[in-house]
Amino acid sequence: MDNLAIKQTLLAFTVDKVEQFLRENPELIFYAFAYDCNAEYAEVNLCFNTQQDFENSLIESQAKYPCDYLLDSQITDFKYNIGNWAFQCFESIQLLTENQLTDLFDSLPEDNYQSWHRVVAELMQLFDECLLEFLKSDSFKKIPKTQDFIAFSIDHDEEVEVAIARWQAKLI
């Protein structure tokens, strides 16, 4: 697994696709950008959401589920849950082919589960590093943002609060 090539590919992809998205949607202002990752498959999805889309989605969900999304913690979780976003996975990339993933898995020692878990954690770390680089780019500066804008990465089964706390620690 060539970590440098993965990071370069992901960063170039992010810059290109975010700039394209912004050109196609010049009127939108965003409160969040995220890498929605499925590290086990070396996949990263780019996601945005706007405050207006969040508010509309929240009102709709509160009407549909009147006992849910009432507490501040529930609303925050809803707001940063990428599955609720208007621009969820507007672009996706798989950074390793199925054959590369199979070869990587087959090259692991007998304790495949623990070794595979380490590989997945390493991929997630690469994705995080790439997003940190993107945050320093001119392309990131071009994103129309709310004052409370955040960017973060989240793995497929990771809890929103855990992902955001992990990101806040990285940004200190």
N, C-alpha and C. Protein backbone atom coordinates (compact mmCIF):
# COMPACT_ATOMS: atom_id res chain seq x y z
N MET A 1 0.86 -1.18 0.00
CA MET A 1 0.00 0.00 0.00
C MET A 1 0.90 1.24 0.00
N ASP A 2 0.77 2.04 -1.01
CA ASP A 2 1.58 3.26 -1.16
C ASP A 2 0.83 4.44 -0.52
N ASN A 3 1.18 4.73 0.73
CA ASN A 3 0.46 5.76 1.49
C ASN A 3 0.54 7.13 0.84
N LEU A 4 1.71 7.49 0.32
CA LEU A 4 1.87 8.80 -0.30
C LEU A 4 0.98 8.92 -1.53
N ALA A 5 0.93 7.88 -2.34
CA ALA A 5 0.09 7.91 -3.54
C ALA A 5 -1.39 8.02 -3.18
N ILE A 6 -1.80 7.31 -2.13
CA ILE A 6 -3.19 7.38 -1.68
C ILE A 6 -3.52 8.80 -1.26
N LYS A 7 -2.65 9.41 -0.45
CA LYS A 7 -2.90 10.78 0.01
C LYS A 7 -2.94 11.77 -1.15
N GLN A 8 -2.00 11.63 -2.08
CA GLN A 8 -1.96 12.55 -3.22
C GLN A 8 -3.22 12.39 -4.08
N THR A 9 -3.63 11.17 -4.30
CA THR A 9 -4.83 10.91 -5.10
C THR A 9 -6.07 11.48 -4.43
N LEU A 10 -6.20 11.24 -3.13
CA LEU A 10 -7.37 11.73 -2.41
C LEU A 10 -7.40 13.25 -2.34
N LEU A 11 -6.27 13.87 -2.10
CA LEU A 11 -6.23 15.32 -2.03
C LEU A 11 -6.57 15.94 -3.40
N ALA A 12 -6.00 15.42 -4.47
CA ALA A 12 -6.30 15.93 -5.81
C ALA A 12 -7.78 15.74 -6.14
N PHE A 13 -8.32 14.58 -5.80
CA PHE A 13 -9.74 14.29 -6.02
C PHE A 13 -10.60 15.29 -5.24
N THR A 14 -10.28 15.50 -3.97
CA THR A 14 -11.06 16.41 -3.13
C THR A 14 -11.05 17.82 -3.70
N VAL A 15 -9.88 18.32 -4.04
CA VAL A 15 -9.76 19.67 -4.60
C VAL A 15 -10.58 19.78 -5.87
N ASP A 16 -10.41 18.85 -6.78
CA ASP A 16 -11.11 18.90 -8.07
C ASP A 16 -12.63 18.84 -7.89
N LYS A 17 -13.10 17.88 -7.12
CA LYS A 17 -14.55 17.68 -6.99
C LYS A 17 -15.22 18.76 -6.15
N VAL A 18 -14.54 19.28 -5.13
CA VAL A 18 -15.12 20.37 -4.34
C VAL A 18 -15.22 21.62 -5.20
N GLU A 19 -14.16 21.93 -5.93
CA GLU A 19 -14.21 23.12 -6.79
C GLU A 19 -15.29 22.99 -7.86
N GLN A 20 -15.42 21.82 -8.44
CA GLN A 20 -16.49 21.59 -9.43
C GLN A 20 -17.86 21.77 -8.78
N PHE A 21 -18.06 21.20 -7.61
CA PHE A 21 -19.33 21.32 -6.89
C PHE A 21 -19.65 22.78 -6.58
N LEU A 22 -18.65 23.53 -6.16
CA LEU A 22 -18.86 24.94 -5.84
C LEU A 22 -19.22 25.76 -7.08
N ARG A 23 -18.61 25.44 -8.20
CA ARG A 23 -18.95 26.13 -9.46
C ARG A 23 -20.40 25.84 -9.84
N GLU A 24 -20.84 24.62 -9.61
CA GLU A 24 -22.21 24.22 -9.98
C GLU A 24 -23.26 24.72 -8.98
N ASN A 25 -22.82 25.12 -7.79
CA ASN A 25 -23.74 25.55 -6.72
C ASN A 25 -23.23 26.84 -6.06
N PRO A 26 -23.08 27.90 -6.82
CA PRO A 26 -22.47 29.12 -6.28
C PRO A 26 -23.31 29.85 -5.23
N GLU A 27 -24.59 29.54 -5.15
CA GLU A 27 -25.47 30.25 -4.22
C GLU A 27 -25.51 29.62 -2.83
N LEU A 28 -24.92 28.47 -2.66
CA LEU A 28 -25.03 27.75 -1.38
C LEU A 28 -23.96 28.18 -0.38
N ILE A 29 -24.35 28.19 0.90
CA ILE A 29 -23.43 28.44 2.00
C ILE A 29 -23.52 27.23 2.93
N PHE A 30 -22.38 26.70 3.32
CA PHE A 30 -22.32 25.42 4.02
C PHE A 30 -21.93 25.58 5.48
N TYR A 31 -22.49 24.71 6.32
CA TYR A 31 -22.09 24.67 7.72
C TYR A 31 -21.15 23.50 7.99
N ALA A 32 -21.04 22.57 7.03
CA ALA A 32 -20.17 21.42 7.27
C ALA A 32 -19.75 20.76 5.96
N PHE A 33 -18.54 20.21 6.01
CA PHE A 33 -18.00 19.37 4.94
C PHE A 33 -17.44 18.14 5.63
N ALA A 34 -17.62 16.98 5.00
CA ALA A 34 -17.12 15.76 5.64
C ALA A 34 -16.62 14.76 4.62
N TYR A 35 -15.64 14.00 5.06
CA TYR A 35 -15.26 12.77 4.41
C TYR A 35 -16.09 11.68 5.09
N ASP A 36 -17.00 11.09 4.36
CA ASP A 36 -17.75 9.94 4.83
C ASP A 36 -16.98 8.72 4.34
N CYS A 37 -16.29 8.06 5.24
CA CYS A 37 -15.34 7.02 4.86
C CYS A 37 -15.88 5.62 5.12
N ASN A 38 -15.53 4.74 4.24
CA ASN A 38 -15.70 3.32 4.48
C ASN A 38 -14.29 2.75 4.31
N ALA A 39 -13.49 2.93 5.35
CA ALA A 39 -12.07 2.61 5.29
C ALA A 39 -11.82 1.15 4.95
N GLU A 40 -12.71 0.28 5.34
CA GLU A 40 -12.53 -1.15 5.06
C GLU A 40 -12.47 -1.41 3.55
N TYR A 41 -13.09 -0.54 2.77
CA TYR A 41 -13.07 -0.67 1.31
C TYR A 41 -12.27 0.44 0.65
N ALA A 42 -11.51 1.19 1.45
CA ALA A 42 -10.68 2.30 0.96
C ALA A 42 -11.52 3.30 0.16
N GLU A 43 -12.73 3.57 0.65
CA GLU A 43 -13.66 4.46 -0.04
C GLU A 43 -13.87 5.74 0.78
N VAL A 44 -13.89 6.86 0.05
CA VAL A 44 -14.17 8.15 0.67
C VAL A 44 -15.24 8.85 -0.16
N ASN A 45 -16.26 9.33 0.54
CA ASN A 45 -17.35 10.08 -0.08
C ASN A 45 -17.29 11.52 0.40
N LEU A 46 -17.44 12.46 -0.51
CA LEU A 46 -17.43 13.88 -0.17
C LEU A 46 -18.86 14.33 0.13
N CYS A 47 -19.03 15.10 1.21
CA CYS A 47 -20.36 15.50 1.65
C CYS A 47 -20.37 16.95 2.12
N PHE A 48 -21.44 17.65 1.79
CA PHE A 48 -21.70 19.01 2.26
C PHE A 48 -23.12 19.08 2.79
N ASN A 49 -23.38 20.08 3.65
CA ASN A 49 -24.76 20.41 3.99
C ASN A 49 -24.86 21.90 4.27
N THR A 50 -26.07 22.42 4.01
CA THR A 50 -26.36 23.83 4.28
C THR A 50 -27.26 23.92 5.50
N GLN A 51 -27.25 25.07 6.13
CA GLN A 51 -28.11 25.30 7.29
C GLN A 51 -29.58 25.17 6.90
N GLN A 52 -29.95 25.71 5.75
CA GLN A 52 -31.34 25.65 5.30
C GLN A 52 -31.77 24.19 5.07
N ASP A 53 -30.91 23.39 4.44
CA ASP A 53 -31.25 21.98 4.23
C ASP A 53 -31.37 21.24 5.55
N PHE A 54 -30.48 21.56 6.50
CA PHE A 54 -30.58 20.96 7.83
C PHE A 54 -31.91 21.31 8.48
N GLU A 55 -32.26 22.58 8.48
CA GLU A 55 -33.49 23.02 9.14
C GLU A 55 -34.72 22.38 8.51
N ASN A 56 -34.75 22.32 7.18
CA ASN A 56 -35.88 21.69 6.50
C ASN A 56 -35.98 20.21 6.84
N SER A 57 -34.84 19.54 6.83
CA SER A 57 -34.81 18.11 7.13
C SER A 57 -35.22 17.85 8.58
N LEU A 58 -34.75 18.70 9.49
CA LEU A 58 -35.11 18.54 10.91
C LEU A 58 -36.61 18.72 11.12
N ILE A 59 -37.18 19.75 10.52
CA ILE A 59 -38.63 19.99 10.65
C ILE A 59 -39.41 18.80 10.11
N GLU A 60 -39.00 18.29 8.98
CA GLU A 60 -39.66 17.13 8.37
C GLU A 60 -39.56 15.90 9.28
N SER A 61 -38.38 15.66 9.83
CA SER A 61 -38.18 14.50 10.70
C SER A 61 -38.92 14.66 12.02
N GLN A 62 -38.96 15.87 12.57
CA GLN A 62 -39.70 16.10 13.81
C GLN A 62 -41.20 15.88 13.60
N ALA A 63 -41.69 16.25 12.43
CA ALA A 63 -43.11 16.03 12.13
C ALA A 63 -43.40 14.54 11.97
N LYS A 64 -42.48 13.83 11.35
CA LYS A 64 -42.66 12.40 11.11
C LYS A 64 -42.47 11.58 12.40
N TYR A 65 -41.54 12.02 13.25
CA TYR A 65 -41.23 11.33 14.51
C TYR A 65 -41.35 12.34 15.66
N PRO A 66 -42.56 12.63 16.12
CA PRO A 66 -42.77 13.71 17.09
C PRO A 66 -42.07 13.53 18.44
N CYS A 67 -41.68 12.33 18.78
CA CYS A 67 -40.99 12.10 20.06
C CYS A 67 -39.46 12.18 19.93
N ASP A 68 -38.98 12.30 18.71
CA ASP A 68 -37.53 12.34 18.47
C ASP A 68 -37.07 13.75 18.12
N TYR A 69 -35.77 13.95 18.20
CA TYR A 69 -35.13 15.20 17.78
C TYR A 69 -35.66 16.40 18.55
N LEU A 70 -35.81 16.23 19.86
CA LEU A 70 -36.29 17.31 20.71
C LEU A 70 -35.17 17.87 21.59
N LEU A 71 -34.29 17.01 22.05
CA LEU A 71 -33.18 17.42 22.91
C LEU A 71 -32.05 18.01 22.06
N ASP A 72 -31.30 18.93 22.67
CA ASP A 72 -30.17 19.54 21.95
C ASP A 72 -29.19 18.49 21.44
N SER A 73 -28.93 17.47 22.25
CA SER A 73 -27.99 16.43 21.84
C SER A 73 -28.52 15.65 20.63
N GLN A 74 -29.83 15.41 20.59
CA GLN A 74 -30.43 14.71 19.45
C GLN A 74 -30.38 15.58 18.19
N ILE A 75 -30.60 16.86 18.36
CA ILE A 75 -30.57 17.77 17.22
C ILE A 75 -29.14 17.90 16.68
N THR A 76 -28.17 17.98 17.57
CA THR A 76 -26.77 18.04 17.14
C THR A 76 -26.38 16.78 16.40
N ASP A 77 -26.76 15.63 16.94
CA ASP A 77 -26.47 14.37 16.27
C ASP A 77 -27.13 14.33 14.89
N PHE A 78 -28.35 14.79 14.79
CA PHE A 78 -29.07 14.84 13.52
C PHE A 78 -28.35 15.77 12.55
N LYS A 79 -27.92 16.91 13.04
CA LYS A 79 -27.28 17.93 12.20
C LYS A 79 -25.99 17.41 11.56
N TYR A 80 -25.22 16.63 12.29
CA TYR A 80 -23.92 16.17 11.78
C TYR A 80 -23.94 14.73 11.31
N ASN A 81 -25.11 14.11 11.31
CA ASN A 81 -25.25 12.76 10.77
C ASN A 81 -25.34 12.88 9.25
N ILE A 82 -24.32 12.46 8.59
CA ILE A 82 -24.19 12.64 7.14
C ILE A 82 -25.35 12.00 6.38
N GLY A 83 -25.94 10.98 6.94
CA GLY A 83 -27.09 10.34 6.30
C GLY A 83 -28.28 11.27 6.14
N ASN A 84 -28.30 12.37 6.88
CA ASN A 84 -29.38 13.35 6.80
C ASN A 84 -29.05 14.52 5.88
N TRP A 85 -27.89 14.54 5.30
CA TRP A 85 -27.43 15.71 4.54
C TRP A 85 -27.99 15.73 3.13
N ALA A 86 -28.21 16.93 2.64
CA ALA A 86 -28.73 17.13 1.28
C ALA A 86 -27.70 16.73 0.22
N PHE A 87 -26.42 16.95 0.52
CA PHE A 87 -25.37 16.66 -0.45
C PHE A 87 -24.46 15.56 0.09
N GLN A 88 -25.10 14.47 0.46
CA GLN A 88 -24.39 13.30 0.95
C GLN A 88 -23.77 12.60 -0.25
N CYS A 89 -22.50 12.33 -0.16
CA CYS A 89 -21.79 11.56 -1.20
C CYS A 89 -21.97 12.19 -2.59
N PHE A 90 -21.73 13.50 -2.69
CA PHE A 90 -21.87 14.11 -4.00
C PHE A 90 -20.78 13.64 -4.95
N GLU A 91 -19.70 13.12 -4.41
CA GLU A 91 -18.66 12.44 -5.19
C GLU A 91 -18.04 11.36 -4.32
N SER A 92 -17.59 10.27 -4.96
CA SER A 92 -16.98 9.15 -4.23
C SER A 92 -15.75 8.66 -4.96
N ILE A 93 -14.83 8.14 -4.18
CA ILE A 93 -13.63 7.54 -4.77
C ILE A 93 -13.27 6.29 -3.97
N GLN A 94 -12.87 5.27 -4.68
CA GLN A 94 -12.32 4.07 -4.05
C GLN A 94 -10.83 4.10 -4.35
N LEU A 95 -10.02 4.20 -3.31
CA LEU A 95 -8.59 4.45 -3.47
C LEU A 95 -7.77 3.19 -3.70
N LEU A 96 -8.35 2.05 -3.45
CA LEU A 96 -7.72 0.77 -3.77
C LEU A 96 -8.73 -0.07 -4.52
N THR A 97 -8.27 -0.78 -5.51
CA THR A 97 -9.17 -1.65 -6.26
C THR A 97 -9.51 -2.88 -5.42
N GLU A 98 -10.52 -3.60 -5.85
CA GLU A 98 -10.89 -4.83 -5.15
C GLU A 98 -9.72 -5.81 -5.14
N ASN A 99 -9.00 -5.90 -6.25
CA ASN A 99 -7.83 -6.79 -6.31
C ASN A 99 -6.74 -6.34 -5.34
N GLN A 100 -6.52 -5.03 -5.25
CA GLN A 100 -5.51 -4.53 -4.30
C GLN A 100 -5.91 -4.83 -2.87
N LEU A 101 -7.18 -4.67 -2.57
CA LEU A 101 -7.66 -4.98 -1.22
C LEU A 101 -7.51 -6.47 -0.92
N THR A 102 -7.85 -7.31 -1.88
CA THR A 102 -7.71 -8.75 -1.71
C THR A 102 -6.24 -9.12 -1.49
N ASP A 103 -5.36 -8.57 -2.32
CA ASP A 103 -3.92 -8.83 -2.17
C ASP A 103 -3.41 -8.38 -0.81
N LEU A 104 -3.88 -7.23 -0.37
CA LEU A 104 -3.48 -6.70 0.93
C LEU A 104 -3.95 -7.63 2.04
N PHE A 105 -5.20 -8.06 1.98
CA PHE A 105 -5.74 -8.97 2.99
C PHE A 105 -4.98 -10.30 2.97
N ASP A 106 -4.73 -10.82 1.78
CA ASP A 106 -4.04 -12.11 1.66
C ASP A 106 -2.59 -12.04 2.15
N SER A 107 -2.00 -10.86 2.16
CA SER A 107 -0.61 -10.72 2.60
C SER A 107 -0.47 -10.64 4.12
N LEU A 108 -1.59 -10.58 4.82
CA LEU A 108 -1.55 -10.44 6.27
C LEU A 108 -1.23 -11.76 6.95
N PRO A 109 -0.65 -11.70 8.15
CA PRO A 109 -0.38 -12.94 8.89
C PRO A 109 -1.68 -13.63 9.33
N GLU A 110 -1.52 -14.74 10.00
CA GLU A 110 -2.66 -15.57 10.39
C GLU A 110 -3.72 -14.86 11.22
N ASP A 111 -3.32 -13.89 12.03
CA ASP A 111 -4.31 -13.18 12.85
C ASP A 111 -5.00 -12.11 12.00
N ASN A 112 -5.57 -12.55 10.90
CA ASN A 112 -6.10 -11.63 9.89
C ASN A 112 -7.01 -10.55 10.45
N TYR A 113 -7.88 -10.88 11.40
CA TYR A 113 -8.81 -9.89 11.90
C TYR A 113 -8.08 -8.73 12.56
N GLN A 114 -7.16 -9.01 13.46
CA GLN A 114 -6.41 -7.95 14.12
C GLN A 114 -5.54 -7.19 13.13
N SER A 115 -4.92 -7.90 12.23
CA SER A 115 -4.08 -7.24 11.23
C SER A 115 -4.92 -6.37 10.30
N TRP A 116 -6.07 -6.90 9.89
CA TRP A 116 -6.95 -6.13 9.01
C TRP A 116 -7.44 -4.88 9.73
N HIS A 117 -7.75 -5.00 11.00
CA HIS A 117 -8.18 -3.85 11.79
C HIS A 117 -7.09 -2.77 11.80
N ARG A 118 -5.83 -3.18 11.91
CA ARG A 118 -4.72 -2.22 11.88
C ARG A 118 -4.62 -1.55 10.51
N VAL A 119 -4.82 -2.31 9.44
CA VAL A 119 -4.78 -1.74 8.09
C VAL A 119 -5.90 -0.71 7.91
N VAL A 120 -7.10 -1.05 8.37
CA VAL A 120 -8.24 -0.13 8.26
C VAL A 120 -7.95 1.14 9.07
N ALA A 121 -7.40 1.00 10.27
CA ALA A 121 -7.06 2.17 11.09
C ALA A 121 -6.00 3.02 10.39
N GLU A 122 -5.06 2.38 9.73
CA GLU A 122 -4.02 3.12 9.00
C GLU A 122 -4.63 3.89 7.82
N LEU A 123 -5.56 3.26 7.12
CA LEU A 123 -6.24 3.96 6.02
C LEU A 123 -7.02 5.16 6.55
N MET A 124 -7.71 4.98 7.66
CA MET A 124 -8.48 6.08 8.23
C MET A 124 -7.55 7.22 8.63
N GLN A 125 -6.40 6.88 9.17
CA GLN A 125 -5.40 7.90 9.53
C GLN A 125 -4.94 8.65 8.28
N LEU A 126 -4.73 7.95 7.18
CA LEU A 126 -4.35 8.60 5.92
C LEU A 126 -5.45 9.55 5.45
N PHE A 127 -6.69 9.11 5.55
CA PHE A 127 -7.80 9.96 5.14
C PHE A 127 -7.86 11.22 6.00
N ASP A 128 -7.66 11.05 7.31
CA ASP A 128 -7.64 12.19 8.22
C ASP A 128 -6.53 13.17 7.85
N GLU A 129 -5.34 12.64 7.58
CA GLU A 129 -4.21 13.49 7.21
C GLU A 129 -4.50 14.25 5.92
N CYS A 130 -5.14 13.60 4.99
CA CYS A 130 -5.49 14.24 3.73
C CYS A 130 -6.49 15.37 3.95
N LEU A 131 -7.48 15.12 4.77
CA LEU A 131 -8.46 16.17 5.05
C LEU A 131 -7.79 17.36 5.74
N LEU A 132 -6.87 17.09 6.65
CA LEU A 132 -6.13 18.18 7.29
C LEU A 132 -5.36 19.01 6.24
N GLU A 133 -4.79 18.34 5.27
CA GLU A 133 -4.10 19.06 4.18
C GLU A 133 -5.09 19.88 3.36
N PHE A 134 -6.25 19.31 3.08
CA PHE A 134 -7.27 20.03 2.33
C PHE A 134 -7.69 21.31 3.06
N LEU A 135 -7.77 21.24 4.39
CA LEU A 135 -8.17 22.40 5.18
C LEU A 135 -7.19 23.57 5.03
N LYS A 136 -5.97 23.29 4.58
CA LYS A 136 -4.95 24.33 4.37
C LYS A 136 -4.95 24.86 2.94
N SER A 137 -5.76 24.29 2.08
CA SER A 137 -5.69 24.59 0.65
C SER A 137 -6.50 25.83 0.27
N ASP A 138 -6.16 26.39 -0.88
CA ASP A 138 -6.93 27.49 -1.44
C ASP A 138 -8.35 27.05 -1.78
N SER A 139 -8.49 25.81 -2.19
CA SER A 139 -9.82 25.27 -2.52
C SER A 139 -10.72 25.30 -1.30
N PHE A 140 -10.19 24.94 -0.15
CA PHE A 140 -10.99 24.98 1.08
C PHE A 140 -11.41 26.42 1.39
N LYS A 141 -10.50 27.36 1.18
CA LYS A 141 -10.80 28.77 1.46
C LYS A 141 -11.95 29.28 0.60
N LYS A 142 -12.17 28.68 -0.56
CA LYS A 142 -13.22 29.11 -1.49
C LYS A 142 -14.62 28.68 -1.05
N ILE A 143 -14.70 27.75 -0.12
CA ILE A 143 -16.02 27.25 0.30
C ILE A 143 -16.76 28.36 1.04
N PRO A 144 -17.96 28.71 0.59
CA PRO A 144 -18.78 29.67 1.35
C PRO A 144 -19.24 28.99 2.65
N LYS A 145 -18.88 29.60 3.79
CA LYS A 145 -19.07 28.94 5.08
C LYS A 145 -19.87 29.80 6.05
N THR A 146 -20.62 29.11 6.90
CA THR A 146 -21.23 29.78 8.04
C THR A 146 -20.14 30.02 9.08
N GLN A 147 -20.43 30.85 10.08
CA GLN A 147 -19.44 31.14 11.13
C GLN A 147 -19.07 29.90 11.92
N ASP A 148 -20.01 28.98 12.08
CA ASP A 148 -19.76 27.77 12.88
C ASP A 148 -19.38 26.56 12.02
N PHE A 149 -18.91 26.81 10.80
CA PHE A 149 -18.55 25.74 9.86
C PHE A 149 -17.55 24.78 10.49
N ILE A 150 -17.77 23.50 10.22
CA ILE A 150 -16.79 22.49 10.62
C ILE A 150 -16.56 21.53 9.46
N ALA A 151 -15.39 20.94 9.49
CA ALA A 151 -15.05 19.85 8.57
C ALA A 151 -14.59 18.70 9.45
N PHE A 152 -14.93 17.49 9.04
CA PHE A 152 -14.53 16.31 9.80
C PHE A 152 -14.58 15.09 8.91
N SER A 153 -13.96 14.03 9.38
CA SER A 153 -14.09 12.74 8.70
C SER A 153 -14.76 11.78 9.67
N ILE A 154 -15.47 10.84 9.10
CA ILE A 154 -16.17 9.86 9.91
C ILE A 154 -16.14 8.53 9.18
N ASP A 155 -15.82 7.48 9.91
CA ASP A 155 -15.81 6.15 9.30
C ASP A 155 -17.22 5.58 9.34
N HIS A 156 -17.44 4.59 8.53
CA HIS A 156 -18.77 4.04 8.26
C HIS A 156 -19.62 3.80 9.51
N ASP A 157 -19.07 3.15 10.51
CA ASP A 157 -19.85 2.81 11.70
C ASP A 157 -19.51 3.67 12.91
N GLU A 158 -18.79 4.74 12.70
CA GLU A 158 -18.37 5.60 13.80
C GLU A 158 -19.53 6.51 14.24
N GLU A 159 -19.64 6.73 15.53
CA GLU A 159 -20.65 7.63 16.06
C GLU A 159 -20.25 9.07 15.75
N VAL A 160 -21.25 9.91 15.47
CA VAL A 160 -21.00 11.30 15.11
C VAL A 160 -20.22 12.02 16.20
N GLU A 161 -20.62 11.85 17.46
CA GLU A 161 -19.95 12.53 18.57
C GLU A 161 -18.48 12.13 18.66
N VAL A 162 -18.20 10.86 18.42
CA VAL A 162 -16.82 10.36 18.48
C VAL A 162 -16.00 10.98 17.36
N ALA A 163 -16.56 11.01 16.16
CA ALA A 163 -15.83 11.57 15.01
C ALA A 163 -15.54 13.05 15.22
N ILE A 164 -16.51 13.80 15.68
CA ILE A 164 -16.31 15.23 15.88
C ILE A 164 -15.31 15.49 17.01
N ALA A 165 -15.38 14.74 18.08
CA ALA A 165 -14.41 14.89 19.18
C ALA A 165 -13.00 14.55 18.70
N ARG A 166 -12.88 13.51 17.87
CA ARG A 166 -11.57 13.14 17.31
C ARG A 166 -11.03 14.29 16.48
N TRP A 167 -11.90 14.93 15.71
CA TRP A 167 -11.47 16.04 14.85
C TRP A 167 -11.11 17.26 15.66
N GLN A 168 -11.86 17.55 16.66
CA GLN A 168 -11.53 18.71 17.50
C GLN A 168 -10.17 18.54 18.13
N ALA A 169 -9.84 17.31 18.52
CA ALA A 169 -8.52 17.03 19.11
C ALA A 169 -7.41 17.21 18.06
N LYS A 170 -7.65 16.85 16.82
CA LYS A 170 -6.64 16.99 15.76
C LYS A 170 -6.38 18.45 15.41
N LEU A 171 -7.38 19.30 15.58
CA LEU A 171 -7.26 20.69 15.17
C LEU A 171 -6.62 21.58 16.23
N ILE A 172 -6.39 21.03 17.41
CA ILE A 172 -5.80 21.83 18.51
C ILE A 172 -4.32 22.00 18.27
